[in-house]
Amino acid sequence: MASDDDNSSFNSSIKSDVRISVPFPFKPTPTSTDDTANATVGKIAVGNGGSSQMGRRKKVMPLEHGCEDNWTWSNRYRSKEIVLSGPNSRTVHFHPNWSKGTAGVQGKRPLNNGRFYWELHVSQRVFGTSIMFGIGTKQARLHANSFRNMLGENEFGWGLSHKGVLWHKGVALLYTKRFKENHPTVIGVLFDGIEGTLTYYKDGKCLGVAFRGLDKIKEPLYPIVCSTAAKTEMTLRCTRRDFVNLQDRCRAEIIKHVRTRDDLAKLKLPPLITQYLSEVVNDEAPLRQVDNYDIFWDL
């Protein structure tokens, strides 16, 4: 049965698009971390860097020294509720007429063992139960006859919802502020198959590392987007890839034995090497799990 909340952007904040009554920014409750073969979820703090007097700051482009990577969406691996259009079929139209569930589409780019960055320009129709951005294997569902957080509902997907929540294995973790409804936005996704991380950007701002352990995944991983909202549009732009070198692979091995920045400082390495290694050191507390997050409301 179709939901009015996923077909009309005007009523979405009343019922379906519920609020999480947790103030931001927040400090997650410290818990133990597990950096095993399972892809884990976690966020690192990202500093502004530079002088505060720099009024107009140049937008940081991940993999700016890489090269263009001209991939697009798969016409084969998609929901029937999706229409592809535009140059190279890079624009995704979700539920062109009326939404009766959740629709997704898979990208053609295999991601494992490389570094890739792509941007998704989302139309102003940001509302409803869930609009998601992330990655998954070919076992991840691309259609459901219900309104749900489909990407990350099981072990085959890793996704970020427009409500600021990360999903993997059906577990929801608070990650960032919910997106403003009915306003266009640009979501950047940085996949690092060497370090095993997935990082999100929003309107040019880095939100921090969202998922780790992705280098342990043996099945091919692909970009995936999905939405429950009717007439949502996303356009794939700025697709880039990196030249992975021996230096990066050596850093990945070293970091397996360096758990904190204090451990790194004890090595007394030259400043340039220390800075390079510290870029991927994660000594922050893990994100807070949200149980039954759909029942929370703003008061």
Protein backbone atom coordinates (compact mmCIF):
# COMPACT_ATOMS: atom_id res chain seq x y z
CA MET A 1 0.00 0.00 0.00
CA ALA A 2 1.44 3.35 -1.01
CA SER A 3 2.38 5.84 1.70
CA ASP A 4 1.38 9.49 1.30
CA ASP A 5 4.54 10.46 3.19
CA ASP A 6 6.74 9.04 0.44
CA ASN A 7 4.69 10.59 -2.36
CA SER A 8 4.21 14.13 -1.03
CA SER A 9 7.09 16.22 0.25
CA PHE A 10 4.77 18.54 2.16
CA ASN A 11 3.56 16.05 4.78
CA SER A 12 6.76 14.06 5.18
CA SER A 13 8.02 15.75 8.33
CA ILE A 14 4.74 15.14 10.14
CA LYS A 15 4.65 11.38 10.31
CA SER A 16 6.96 9.24 8.19
CA ASP A 17 10.01 11.47 8.29
CA VAL A 18 10.39 11.17 12.04
CA ARG A 19 13.05 12.99 14.04
CA ILE A 20 15.78 11.52 16.18
CA SER A 21 15.68 13.32 19.51
CA VAL A 22 19.43 13.29 20.05
CA PRO A 23 21.21 16.67 20.00
CA PHE A 24 24.12 17.28 17.66
CA PRO A 25 27.00 17.40 18.01
CA PHE A 26 27.15 14.51 20.47
CA LYS A 27 29.85 12.38 22.01
CA PRO A 28 29.22 8.67 21.53
CA THR A 29 29.32 6.49 24.60
CA PRO A 30 32.73 4.77 24.61
CA THR A 31 32.45 1.10 23.83
CA SER A 32 34.86 -1.57 22.74
CA THR A 33 35.75 -1.71 19.06
CA ASP A 34 36.21 -4.72 16.87
CA ASP A 35 38.47 -4.35 13.84
CA THR A 36 37.99 -7.90 12.64
CA ALA A 37 37.00 -9.25 9.25
CA ASN A 38 33.50 -7.82 9.59
CA ALA A 39 33.18 -4.32 8.14
CA THR A 40 32.65 -2.07 11.18
CA VAL A 41 31.17 1.38 11.52
CA GLY A 42 32.99 4.36 12.99
CA LYS A 43 33.64 8.06 12.55
CA ILE A 44 36.75 10.15 12.97
CA ALA A 45 36.84 13.82 13.79
CA VAL A 46 37.81 16.06 10.91
CA GLY A 47 39.45 19.39 11.69
CA ASN A 48 39.02 22.54 9.66
CA GLY A 49 42.72 23.15 9.29
CA GLY A 50 44.40 26.39 8.26
CA SER A 51 43.82 29.90 9.53
CA SER A 52 40.37 31.10 10.51
CA GLN A 53 41.13 34.30 8.61
CA MET A 54 40.90 32.46 5.31
CA GLY A 55 37.51 33.79 4.31
CA ARG A 56 36.80 31.97 1.12
CA ARG A 57 38.26 28.51 1.33
CA LYS A 58 38.86 26.46 -1.80
CA LYS A 59 36.71 23.34 -1.91
CA VAL A 60 38.74 20.25 -1.16
CA MET A 61 38.34 17.67 -3.89
CA PRO A 62 39.15 14.10 -2.84
CA LEU A 63 41.47 12.34 -5.27
CA GLU A 64 42.11 15.63 -7.07
CA HIS A 65 45.46 14.24 -8.23
CA GLY A 66 43.81 11.12 -9.60
CA CYS A 67 42.06 10.77 -12.94
CA GLU A 68 38.53 10.79 -14.35
CA ASP A 69 36.63 7.53 -14.01
CA ASN A 70 33.77 7.40 -16.49
CA TRP A 71 31.33 4.87 -15.04
CA THR A 72 27.54 5.01 -14.85
CA TRP A 73 24.49 3.15 -13.50
CA SER A 74 23.53 -0.35 -14.52
CA ASN A 75 20.43 -0.70 -16.63
CA ARG A 76 20.34 -4.38 -15.71
CA TYR A 77 20.79 -4.17 -11.95
CA ARG A 78 18.05 -1.75 -10.96
CA SER A 79 14.50 -1.64 -9.68
CA LYS A 80 11.70 -1.42 -12.22
CA GLU A 81 10.67 1.75 -10.38
CA ILE A 82 13.81 3.51 -11.68
CA VAL A 83 14.30 5.34 -14.97
CA LEU A 84 17.79 6.30 -16.19
CA SER A 85 18.29 9.36 -18.38
CA GLY A 86 20.72 12.09 -19.39
CA PRO A 87 24.25 11.83 -20.80
CA ASN A 88 25.60 8.30 -20.28
CA SER A 89 22.44 7.45 -18.25
CA ARG A 90 23.85 9.19 -15.20
CA THR A 91 20.58 10.64 -13.88
CA VAL A 92 18.38 8.36 -11.75
CA HIS A 93 14.64 9.00 -11.49
CA PHE A 94 13.03 7.15 -8.56
CA HIS A 95 9.31 6.28 -8.69
CA PRO A 96 8.45 8.60 -11.64
CA ASN A 97 4.70 8.33 -11.01
CA TRP A 98 3.86 7.09 -7.51
CA SER A 99 5.90 5.38 -4.82
CA LYS A 100 4.77 2.02 -3.49
CA GLY A 101 8.04 0.88 -1.94
CA THR A 102 11.81 1.24 -2.11
CA ALA A 103 13.79 1.36 -5.36
CA GLY A 104 17.56 1.06 -5.86
CA VAL A 105 20.15 0.92 -8.62
CA GLN A 106 23.69 -0.42 -8.73
CA GLY A 107 26.65 1.29 -10.36
CA LYS A 108 28.80 -0.47 -12.93
CA ARG A 109 32.09 0.34 -11.14
CA PRO A 110 33.65 -2.53 -9.10
CA LEU A 111 35.39 -0.87 -6.15
CA ASN A 112 37.57 -3.44 -4.39
CA ASN A 113 41.32 -2.76 -4.04
CA GLY A 114 41.15 0.79 -5.38
CA ARG A 115 40.33 4.35 -4.36
CA PHE A 116 37.25 5.97 -5.89
CA TYR A 117 35.28 9.16 -5.34
CA TRP A 118 31.90 10.09 -6.78
CA GLU A 119 29.31 12.81 -6.19
CA LEU A 120 25.53 12.55 -6.25
CA HIS A 121 23.62 15.74 -6.98
CA VAL A 122 20.24 15.24 -5.32
CA SER A 123 17.15 17.19 -6.37
CA GLN A 124 15.19 19.25 -3.87
CA ARG A 125 12.74 16.39 -3.27
CA VAL A 126 14.51 15.24 -0.10
CA PHE A 127 11.82 13.72 2.12
CA GLY A 128 10.10 10.48 3.02
CA THR A 129 11.14 7.32 4.81
CA SER A 130 14.63 6.88 3.39
CA ILE A 131 16.95 8.18 0.67
CA MET A 132 20.24 6.29 0.81
CA PHE A 133 23.76 6.46 -0.59
CA GLY A 134 26.46 3.82 -0.26
CA ILE A 135 27.83 0.54 -1.54
CA GLY A 136 26.90 -3.12 -1.61
CA THR A 137 27.53 -6.50 -3.14
CA LYS A 138 25.38 -8.02 -5.87
CA GLN A 139 23.40 -9.74 -3.13
CA ALA A 140 22.08 -6.41 -1.87
CA ARG A 141 18.38 -5.92 -2.65
CA LEU A 142 17.45 -3.29 -5.23
CA HIS A 143 13.68 -3.34 -4.73
CA ALA A 144 11.25 -3.79 -1.86
CA ASN A 145 7.47 -3.53 -1.78
CA SER A 146 7.68 -1.60 1.47
CA PHE A 147 9.17 1.67 2.72
CA ARG A 148 12.44 0.80 4.42
CA ASN A 149 16.15 1.53 4.87
CA MET A 150 17.07 -1.03 2.23
CA LEU A 151 20.80 -0.36 1.83
CA GLY A 152 22.39 -1.83 4.94
CA GLU A 153 19.41 -3.92 6.03
CA ASN A 154 21.76 -6.93 6.02
CA GLU A 155 25.45 -7.79 5.66
CA PHE A 156 25.45 -7.08 1.92
CA GLY A 157 25.11 -3.29 2.09
CA TRP A 158 26.57 -0.19 3.74
CA GLY A 159 24.47 2.97 3.50
CA LEU A 160 23.81 6.48 4.77
CA SER A 161 20.20 7.65 5.08
CA HIS A 162 19.13 11.26 4.51
CA LYS A 163 18.16 11.19 8.19
CA GLY A 164 21.86 11.15 9.11
CA VAL A 165 21.92 7.48 10.12
CA LEU A 166 24.36 4.78 8.97
CA TRP A 167 23.03 1.29 8.25
CA HIS A 168 24.83 -2.07 8.08
CA LYS A 169 23.56 -5.52 9.12
CA GLY A 170 20.28 -3.88 10.11
CA VAL A 171 22.01 -1.77 12.78
CA ALA A 172 21.46 2.01 12.79
CA LEU A 173 24.18 4.38 14.05
CA LEU A 174 23.95 8.14 14.41
CA TYR A 175 26.48 9.77 12.08
CA THR A 176 25.52 13.33 11.15
CA LYS A 177 22.64 15.81 11.12
CA ARG A 178 19.58 14.90 9.11
CA PHE A 179 19.40 16.54 5.70
CA LYS A 180 17.23 19.61 5.31
CA GLU A 181 13.97 18.66 3.63
CA ASN A 182 13.04 19.96 0.19
CA HIS A 183 16.51 21.41 -0.41
CA PRO A 184 18.96 20.10 -3.04
CA THR A 185 22.25 18.73 -1.79
CA VAL A 186 25.46 17.16 -3.06
CA ILE A 187 26.65 13.93 -1.44
CA GLY A 188 30.23 12.80 -2.03
CA VAL A 189 31.33 9.22 -1.41
CA LEU A 190 35.00 8.26 -1.00
CA PHE A 191 35.80 4.55 -1.08
CA ASP A 192 39.32 3.53 -0.05
CA GLY A 193 39.83 -0.15 -0.79
CA ILE A 194 43.40 -0.08 0.52
CA GLU A 195 42.55 1.30 3.96
CA GLY A 196 39.14 -0.39 3.87
CA THR A 197 37.12 2.77 4.59
CA LEU A 198 34.05 4.58 3.27
CA THR A 199 33.82 8.34 3.90
CA TYR A 200 30.95 10.71 3.13
CA TYR A 201 30.97 14.39 2.13
CA LYS A 202 27.98 16.75 2.14
CA ASP A 203 28.03 19.94 0.12
CA GLY A 204 31.83 19.88 0.07
CA LYS A 205 32.30 19.17 3.79
CA CYS A 206 33.88 15.92 4.98
CA LEU A 207 31.66 14.11 7.50
CA GLY A 208 34.36 11.63 8.56
CA VAL A 209 34.95 7.93 8.09
CA ALA A 210 31.66 6.03 8.26
CA PHE A 211 32.62 2.38 7.66
CA ARG A 212 35.83 0.41 8.15
CA GLY A 213 37.01 -3.11 7.39
CA LEU A 214 35.86 -3.02 3.78
CA ASP A 215 39.22 -4.32 2.58
CA LYS A 216 38.22 -7.64 4.18
CA ILE A 217 35.19 -8.03 1.89
CA LYS A 218 35.97 -10.59 -0.81
CA GLU A 219 32.84 -10.16 -2.91
CA PRO A 220 32.85 -7.35 -5.49
CA LEU A 221 31.48 -4.07 -4.11
CA TYR A 222 29.55 -1.53 -6.19
CA PRO A 223 28.05 1.95 -5.66
CA ILE A 224 24.32 1.81 -4.82
CA VAL A 225 21.64 4.44 -4.24
CA CYS A 226 18.01 3.91 -3.27
CA SER A 227 14.93 5.93 -2.33
CA THR A 228 11.38 5.56 -1.09
CA ALA A 229 10.35 9.07 -2.12
CA ALA A 230 8.40 9.63 -5.32
CA LYS A 231 9.99 11.61 -8.16
CA THR A 232 13.38 11.90 -6.46
CA GLU A 233 16.28 12.54 -8.84
CA MET A 234 20.03 11.99 -8.44
CA THR A 235 22.69 12.79 -11.01
CA LEU A 236 26.10 11.12 -10.90
CA ARG A 237 28.93 13.62 -11.36
CA CYS A 238 32.64 14.03 -10.63
CA THR A 239 33.65 10.36 -10.76
CA ARG A 240 37.36 9.98 -10.01
CA ARG A 241 39.84 7.21 -9.18
CA ASP A 242 43.30 7.19 -7.66
CA PHE A 243 46.58 5.66 -8.72
CA VAL A 244 47.24 3.21 -5.86
CA ASN A 245 50.99 2.94 -5.19
CA LEU A 246 53.40 0.97 -3.02
CA GLN A 247 53.58 3.79 -0.46
CA ASP A 248 49.86 3.56 0.26
CA ARG A 249 50.00 -0.20 0.60
CA CYS A 250 52.90 0.07 3.08
CA ARG A 251 50.93 2.57 5.16
CA ALA A 252 47.99 0.20 5.34
CA GLU A 253 50.26 -2.50 6.78
CA ILE A 254 51.88 -0.16 9.34
CA ILE A 255 48.52 1.10 10.61
CA LYS A 256 47.51 -2.46 11.48
CA HIS A 257 50.05 -2.19 14.34
CA VAL A 258 49.47 1.47 15.33
CA ARG A 259 46.20 1.90 17.25
CA THR A 260 46.40 5.52 18.46
CA ARG A 261 48.17 8.78 17.71
CA ASP A 262 50.12 8.33 20.95
CA ASP A 263 51.49 5.05 19.60
CA LEU A 264 52.47 6.86 16.42
CA ALA A 265 54.27 9.62 18.34
CA LYS A 266 56.36 7.03 20.21
CA LEU A 267 57.90 5.94 16.90
CA LYS A 268 59.59 9.38 16.60
CA LEU A 269 59.38 9.39 12.84
CA PRO A 270 60.10 12.44 10.64
CA PRO A 271 57.18 14.92 10.72
CA LEU A 272 56.15 14.34 7.11
CA ILE A 273 55.92 10.58 7.59
CA THR A 274 54.06 11.03 10.90
CA GLN A 275 51.53 13.31 9.25
CA TYR A 276 51.02 10.88 6.37
CA LEU A 277 50.42 7.96 8.73
CA SER A 278 48.17 9.95 11.08
CA GLU A 279 45.69 10.58 8.26
CA VAL A 280 44.32 7.06 8.70
CA VAL A 281 44.77 6.53 12.46
CA ASN A 282 41.41 6.04 14.16
CA ASP A 283 41.46 6.56 17.94
CA GLU A 284 37.99 8.07 18.29
CA ALA A 285 35.13 6.44 20.17
CA PRO A 286 32.68 4.52 17.95
CA LEU A 287 29.34 5.97 16.97
CA ARG A 288 26.30 5.48 19.17
CA GLN A 289 23.83 2.78 18.17
CA VAL A 290 20.22 3.84 17.76
CA ASP A 291 17.60 1.31 18.87
CA ASN A 292 14.12 1.66 17.40
CA TYR A 293 15.12 5.05 16.02
CA ASP A 294 11.85 5.37 14.10
CA ILE A 295 9.95 5.95 17.35
CA PHE A 296 11.87 9.12 18.25
CA TRP A 297 10.25 12.49 17.76
CA ASP A 298 11.40 16.08 18.29
CA LEU A 299 9.54 17.70 21.12
